């Protein structure tokens, strides 16, 4: 019985040592690289000097995953060149063991990887750093420049087309809604309710509720919780309340501020904003380039700016001395 127990303990201890081996399953190349292939591709193009590697990579320091590029689409991650070689058996030498379409993990001891990167305190001397690399494809700097140039030309053509179409889209929207097609201060304002006589001036603090949509009616943002819930865009934890900003401080897009300045306190209006007074040719979140925007705005309150004028200086008294004869 004792012999059986001893045998089991020895077997368990041996398995534990194997499990704790940080290089289990790894092979050492002639260049001193520890590697373990997860996926091979014998027909893939081998990595050569100067190649740009398109793919994904992750880094584990010991048991801690510190960077996970596999969460994102494949992109340029390395240039394979021995000019960037840091130590014998480093990642650069490892990349030259790979081909396009392969996935491989490289292991580096503490002392070696410390020559290539700053190590955090939790990473221990006896641990290894593991770089997992997946190669989707290989390209060159020249090919990337050509592709970027082609993409730039195509994007420019698309931008020109969208910009030319924009005015027609706005005119069609205004006609369908029965709004005036005459722009005032660059925006198209349609009053729903007038409110009081008070209007905001420059430097005034205002609070507004808003519902922002595209011309097709799709919601992209709102400060009104009921609207967000009704259209399936409610964000848990967000404070749905009137938006506060100061006129003239460029805290809002230009067209939004121009519309608010033409409104009365307590009033509601529809403001159609051309992209030139919104985000122009930039992509802003889900707002595409050259997108006209439609805001339903309620000017909740106006807090007049306090003009603190400097205190007047005391009048100077000029004393005139009598002339002496």
Protein backbone atom coordinates (compact mmCIF):
# COMPACT_ATOMS: atom_id res chain seq x y z
CA UNK A 1 0.00 0.00 0.00
CA UNK A 2 2.78 2.38 0.96
CA UNK A 3 4.65 1.47 -2.21
CA UNK A 4 1.57 2.25 -4.29
CA UNK A 5 1.13 5.63 -2.61
CA UNK A 6 4.81 6.46 -3.10
CA UNK A 7 4.59 5.53 -6.78
CA UNK A 8 1.55 7.77 -7.24
CA UNK A 9 3.26 10.68 -5.48
CA UNK A 10 6.35 10.32 -7.65
CA UNK A 11 4.20 10.20 -10.79
CA UNK A 12 2.27 13.29 -9.67
CA UNK A 13 5.51 15.15 -8.95
CA UNK A 14 6.88 14.24 -12.39
CA UNK A 15 3.69 15.49 -14.08
CA UNK A 16 3.88 18.74 -12.09
CA UNK A 17 7.46 19.33 -13.22
CA UNK A 18 6.44 18.76 -16.84
CA UNK A 19 3.47 21.12 -16.47
CA UNK A 20 5.73 23.79 -15.02
CA UNK A 21 8.27 23.50 -17.84
CA UNK A 22 7.99 26.88 -19.63
CA UNK A 23 9.49 25.45 -22.83
CA UNK A 24 7.38 22.32 -23.12
CA UNK A 25 6.65 21.65 -26.81
CA UNK A 26 9.13 24.26 -28.02
CA UNK A 27 12.02 23.65 -30.42
CA UNK A 28 15.29 25.57 -30.48
CA UNK A 29 16.54 26.71 -33.89
CA UNK A 30 20.18 26.89 -34.96
CA UNK A 31 19.96 30.66 -34.37
CA UNK A 32 18.86 30.09 -30.77
CA UNK A 33 15.14 30.86 -31.22
CA UNK A 34 12.67 28.89 -29.09
CA UNK A 35 9.53 28.37 -31.21
CA UNK A 36 6.32 26.32 -31.34
CA UNK A 37 4.14 26.27 -34.45
CA UNK A 38 0.39 26.26 -33.99
CA UNK A 39 -0.34 26.26 -37.72
CA UNK A 40 1.96 25.40 -40.64
CA UNK A 41 1.58 26.31 -44.31
CA UNK A 42 4.12 24.53 -46.50
CA UNK A 43 2.83 26.36 -49.59
CA UNK A 44 3.14 29.80 -47.97
CA UNK A 45 5.66 32.44 -49.03
CA UNK A 46 8.65 32.51 -46.64
CA UNK A 47 9.44 35.73 -44.79
CA UNK A 48 12.43 37.51 -46.30
CA UNK A 49 14.48 40.60 -45.47
CA UNK A 50 12.47 43.81 -45.82
CA UNK A 51 9.04 42.18 -45.83
CA UNK A 52 6.17 43.96 -44.10
CA UNK A 53 4.23 41.37 -42.12
CA UNK A 54 0.45 41.77 -42.20
CA UNK A 55 -1.14 39.88 -39.35
CA UNK A 56 -1.75 39.81 -35.61
CA UNK A 57 0.40 39.40 -32.51
CA UNK A 58 0.04 38.97 -28.77
CA UNK A 59 2.46 39.12 -25.83
CA UNK A 60 2.35 37.09 -22.62
CA UNK A 61 4.79 37.77 -19.80
CA UNK A 62 4.72 34.58 -17.78
CA UNK A 63 1.02 33.83 -17.31
CA UNK A 64 -0.12 37.44 -17.91
CA UNK A 65 -1.48 38.45 -21.32
CA UNK A 66 -0.22 42.02 -21.67
CA UNK A 67 -1.10 42.72 -25.32
CA UNK A 68 -3.66 41.00 -27.52
CA UNK A 69 -3.64 42.10 -31.13
CA UNK A 70 -5.86 39.15 -32.06
CA UNK A 71 -8.84 41.25 -30.95
CA UNK A 72 -8.37 43.41 -34.07
CA UNK A 73 -8.26 42.77 -37.84
CA UNK A 74 -4.94 41.91 -39.46
CA UNK A 75 -2.70 44.92 -40.01
CA UNK A 76 1.01 45.73 -40.56
CA UNK A 77 2.74 44.55 -37.37
CA UNK A 78 6.45 44.05 -38.17
CA UNK A 79 9.08 44.80 -40.74
CA UNK A 80 11.29 41.72 -41.00
CA UNK A 81 14.86 42.98 -40.98
CA UNK A 82 17.99 41.85 -39.20
CA UNK A 83 18.89 45.53 -38.84
CA UNK A 84 16.52 45.49 -35.85
CA UNK A 85 18.09 42.37 -34.31
CA UNK A 86 18.59 42.95 -30.54
CA UNK A 87 19.95 39.65 -29.21
CA UNK A 88 20.79 36.17 -30.54
CA UNK A 89 17.58 34.21 -30.95
CA UNK A 90 15.28 37.24 -30.78
CA UNK A 91 11.90 37.81 -32.43
CA UNK A 92 13.40 39.10 -35.68
CA UNK A 93 15.27 35.83 -36.19
CA UNK A 94 12.10 33.96 -35.26
CA UNK A 95 10.03 35.69 -37.94
CA UNK A 96 12.36 34.35 -40.63
CA UNK A 97 11.30 30.82 -39.60
CA UNK A 98 7.72 31.58 -40.69
CA UNK A 99 5.70 31.65 -43.91
CA UNK A 100 2.51 33.44 -44.85
CA UNK A 101 -0.51 31.62 -43.43
CA UNK A 102 1.30 30.33 -40.35
CA UNK A 103 0.86 30.89 -36.62
CA UNK A 104 3.81 30.51 -34.27
CA UNK A 105 4.68 31.35 -30.65
CA UNK A 106 8.22 32.37 -29.68
CA UNK A 107 9.57 32.07 -26.12
CA UNK A 108 12.26 34.36 -24.70
CA UNK A 109 13.96 34.14 -21.28
CA UNK A 110 13.78 37.05 -18.84
CA UNK A 111 17.37 38.24 -19.30
CA UNK A 112 17.15 38.25 -23.10
CA UNK A 113 13.76 39.94 -23.51
CA UNK A 114 14.86 42.59 -21.02
CA UNK A 115 17.29 43.82 -23.70
CA UNK A 116 14.41 44.54 -26.08
CA UNK A 117 11.68 45.92 -23.82
CA UNK A 118 11.06 47.36 -20.38
CA UNK A 119 9.77 44.64 -18.08
CA UNK A 120 7.04 45.18 -15.44
CA UNK A 121 7.67 44.28 -11.76
CA UNK A 122 5.27 41.29 -11.84
CA UNK A 123 7.41 39.51 -14.48
CA UNK A 124 9.83 37.21 -12.63
CA UNK A 125 13.40 36.16 -13.42
CA UNK A 126 12.51 32.50 -13.96
CA UNK A 127 9.60 33.25 -16.33
CA UNK A 128 9.50 33.48 -20.13
CA UNK A 129 7.95 36.01 -22.49
CA UNK A 130 5.77 34.51 -25.25
CA UNK A 131 5.15 36.32 -28.54
CA UNK A 132 2.37 34.70 -30.60
CA UNK A 133 2.43 35.77 -34.25
CA UNK A 134 -0.04 35.06 -37.05
CA UNK A 135 0.93 36.02 -40.61
CA UNK A 136 -1.93 36.68 -43.01
CA UNK A 137 0.19 38.01 -45.84
CA UNK A 138 3.49 39.66 -46.76
CA UNK A 139 4.08 42.90 -48.60
CA UNK A 140 6.77 45.54 -49.10
CA UNK A 141 7.11 49.24 -48.34
CA UNK A 142 6.86 50.07 -52.04
CA UNK A 143 3.69 48.01 -52.44
CA UNK A 144 2.17 49.68 -49.38
CA UNK A 145 3.00 53.13 -50.75
CA UNK A 146 1.33 52.26 -54.05
CA UNK A 147 -1.71 50.87 -52.25
CA UNK A 148 -1.93 53.96 -50.03
CA UNK A 149 -1.69 56.18 -53.10
CA UNK A 150 -4.47 54.28 -54.86
CA UNK A 151 -6.63 54.37 -51.72
CA UNK A 152 -6.03 58.11 -51.36
CA UNK A 153 -7.12 58.74 -54.96
CA UNK A 154 -10.21 56.55 -54.52
CA UNK A 155 -11.10 58.23 -51.22
CA UNK A 156 -10.65 61.66 -52.80
CA UNK A 157 -12.97 60.72 -55.67
CA UNK A 158 -15.53 59.38 -53.21
CA UNK A 159 -15.27 62.53 -51.09
CA UNK A 160 -15.76 64.77 -54.16
CA UNK A 161 -18.79 62.72 -55.17
CA UNK A 162 -20.35 62.87 -51.69
CA UNK A 163 -19.71 66.62 -51.47
CA UNK A 164 -21.40 67.23 -54.82
CA UNK A 165 -24.40 65.08 -53.89
CA UNK A 166 -24.88 66.74 -50.50
CA UNK A 167 -26.65 69.92 -51.64
CA UNK A 168 -29.13 67.88 -53.66
CA UNK A 169 -29.87 65.62 -50.69
CA UNK A 170 -30.48 68.62 -48.43
CA UNK A 171 -32.79 70.26 -51.00
CA UNK A 172 -34.79 67.02 -51.35
CA UNK A 173 -35.09 66.66 -47.56
CA UNK A 174 -36.29 70.26 -47.10
CA UNK A 175 -38.86 69.88 -49.85
CA UNK A 176 -40.21 66.59 -48.43
CA UNK A 177 -40.53 68.12 -44.96
CA UNK A 178 -42.01 71.39 -46.20
CA UNK A 179 -39.20 73.46 -44.67
CA UNK A 180 -37.77 76.66 -46.13
CA UNK A 181 -34.83 76.11 -48.48
CA UNK A 182 -33.33 79.48 -47.57
CA UNK A 183 -30.29 79.12 -45.36
CA UNK A 184 -29.77 81.64 -42.56
CA UNK A 185 -26.21 81.90 -41.24
CA UNK A 186 -25.43 78.77 -43.23
CA UNK A 187 -28.09 76.51 -41.64
CA UNK A 188 -31.74 75.76 -42.32
CA UNK A 189 -33.91 76.57 -39.30
CA UNK A 190 -37.53 75.51 -38.88
CA UNK A 191 -39.26 76.70 -35.69
CA UNK A 192 -41.56 74.25 -33.93
CA UNK A 193 -42.39 76.61 -31.07
CA UNK A 194 -41.04 80.12 -30.52
CA UNK A 195 -40.68 80.27 -26.73
CA UNK A 196 -40.03 83.59 -24.97
CA UNK A 197 -38.45 86.74 -26.36
CA UNK A 198 -35.02 86.03 -24.85
CA UNK A 199 -32.25 85.02 -27.24
CA UNK A 200 -28.70 83.92 -26.33
CA UNK A 201 -25.81 86.28 -26.89
CA UNK A 202 -22.14 85.53 -27.24
CA UNK A 203 -20.56 84.16 -24.05
CA UNK A 204 -24.00 83.23 -22.59
CA UNK A 205 -24.35 79.83 -20.95
CA UNK A 206 -27.16 77.73 -22.39
CA UNK A 207 -28.76 74.35 -21.76
CA UNK A 208 -30.37 72.40 -24.57
CA UNK A 209 -32.07 69.08 -25.20
CA UNK A 210 -31.31 67.61 -28.60
CA UNK A 211 -32.07 64.70 -30.91
CA UNK A 212 -29.51 64.20 -33.67
CA UNK A 213 -30.43 62.32 -36.84
CA UNK A 214 -29.21 61.77 -40.40
CA UNK A 215 -31.35 62.89 -43.34
CA UNK A 216 -32.82 59.38 -43.56
CA UNK A 217 -34.14 59.73 -40.00
CA UNK A 218 -31.64 57.38 -38.36
CA UNK A 219 -30.75 58.47 -34.82
CA UNK A 220 -27.06 58.91 -33.97
CA UNK A 221 -27.23 60.73 -30.61
CA UNK A 222 -29.67 62.31 -28.16
CA UNK A 223 -29.85 63.82 -24.70
CA UNK A 224 -33.47 62.65 -24.32
CA UNK A 225 -33.71 59.29 -22.55
CA UNK A 226 -37.17 58.43 -23.87
CA UNK A 227 -35.97 58.82 -27.46
CA UNK A 228 -32.87 56.71 -26.81
CA UNK A 229 -34.98 53.91 -25.30
CA UNK A 230 -37.58 54.04 -28.07
CA UNK A 231 -34.92 53.66 -30.76
CA UNK A 232 -32.79 51.02 -29.04
CA UNK A 233 -29.83 53.31 -28.35
CA UNK A 234 -30.14 53.67 -24.61
CA UNK A 235 -26.75 53.64 -22.82
CA UNK A 236 -26.80 52.29 -19.29
CA UNK A 237 -25.15 54.68 -16.84
CA UNK A 238 -25.34 57.73 -19.13
CA UNK A 239 -26.83 60.85 -17.57
CA UNK A 240 -29.65 61.89 -19.91
CA UNK A 241 -30.05 65.60 -19.17
CA UNK A 242 -29.88 68.95 -20.97
CA UNK A 243 -26.50 69.66 -22.53
CA UNK A 244 -24.77 72.76 -21.14
CA UNK A 245 -22.30 74.81 -23.17
CA UNK A 246 -21.14 78.39 -23.57
CA UNK A 247 -21.86 80.33 -26.74
CA UNK A 248 -18.71 81.39 -28.60
CA UNK A 249 -16.36 78.89 -26.94
CA UNK A 250 -16.43 76.43 -29.86
CA UNK A 251 -17.67 73.68 -27.57
CA UNK A 252 -20.14 72.51 -30.23
CA UNK A 253 -19.99 72.12 -34.00
CA UNK A 254 -20.41 75.47 -35.72
CA UNK A 255 -23.82 74.75 -37.28
CA UNK A 256 -25.31 73.60 -33.96
CA UNK A 257 -24.26 76.82 -32.22
CA UNK A 258 -25.49 78.97 -35.09
CA UNK A 259 -28.90 77.33 -34.84
CA UNK A 260 -29.13 77.79 -31.07
CA UNK A 261 -28.22 81.48 -31.37
CA UNK A 262 -31.26 82.02 -33.61
CA UNK A 263 -33.65 80.38 -31.12
CA UNK A 264 -35.63 81.79 -28.20
CA UNK A 265 -35.48 80.51 -24.65
CA UNK A 266 -38.05 77.73 -24.20
CA UNK A 267 -38.40 77.32 -27.95
CA UNK A 268 -37.97 74.22 -30.12
CA UNK A 269 -36.63 74.05 -33.66
CA UNK A 270 -35.33 71.75 -36.37
CA UNK A 271 -31.83 72.72 -37.55
CA UNK A 272 -30.47 71.19 -40.75
CA UNK A 273 -26.68 71.55 -40.82
CA UNK A 274 -24.56 71.09 -43.96
CA UNK A 275 -21.42 69.04 -43.37
CA UNK A 276 -19.23 72.12 -43.87
CA UNK A 277 -20.61 73.39 -40.53
CA UNK A 278 -20.50 69.93 -38.91
CA UNK A 279 -17.66 67.41 -39.39
CA UNK A 280 -16.85 68.06 -43.05
CA UNK A 281 -14.87 65.28 -44.72
CA UNK A 282 -13.95 63.60 -41.43
CA UNK A 283 -15.39 60.33 -40.17
CA UNK A 284 -16.72 60.99 -36.66
CA UNK A 285 -17.78 57.76 -34.95
CA UNK A 286 -20.71 56.46 -37.00
CA UNK A 287 -21.07 59.79 -38.83
CA UNK A 288 -19.64 59.35 -42.36
CA UNK A 289 -17.71 62.11 -44.17
CA UNK A 290 -19.78 64.88 -45.78
CA UNK A 291 -22.91 64.04 -43.80
CA UNK A 292 -25.54 66.76 -43.32
CA UNK A 293 -27.06 66.51 -39.86
CA UNK A 294 -30.56 67.20 -38.56
CA UNK A 295 -31.03 68.31 -34.95
CA UNK A 296 -34.28 68.80 -33.10
CA UNK A 297 -33.26 71.28 -30.39
CA UNK A 298 -35.05 72.63 -27.35
CA UNK A 299 -33.40 75.69 -25.82
CA UNK A 300 -34.16 74.93 -22.17
CA UNK A 301 -32.51 77.93 -20.51
CA UNK A 302 -30.19 80.89 -20.98
CA UNK A 303 -27.89 82.14 -18.28
CA UNK A 304 -26.68 85.58 -19.23
CA UNK A 305 -22.97 86.15 -19.07
CA UNK A 306 -21.90 88.36 -16.19
CA UNK A 307 -19.93 91.28 -17.49
CA UNK A 308 -17.52 92.21 -14.76
CA UNK A 309 -16.20 95.62 -15.75
CA UNK A 310 -13.04 96.90 -14.08
CA UNK A 311 -13.65 99.34 -11.23
CA UNK A 312 -13.30 102.97 -12.39
CA UNK A 313 -10.10 104.65 -11.40
CA UNK A 314 -10.47 107.58 -8.97
CA UNK A 315 -10.39 110.96 -10.68
CA UNK A 316 -7.01 112.62 -10.48
CA UNK A 317 -6.90 116.07 -8.88
CA UNK A 318 -4.42 118.42 -10.43
CA UNK A 319 -3.09 120.90 -7.95
CA UNK A 320 -2.06 124.21 -9.49
CA UNK A 321 0.49 126.10 -7.43
CA UNK A 322 0.24 129.92 -7.51
CA UNK A 323 3.07 131.63 -9.28
CA UNK A 324 5.54 133.47 -7.10
CA UNK A 325 6.57 136.91 -8.05
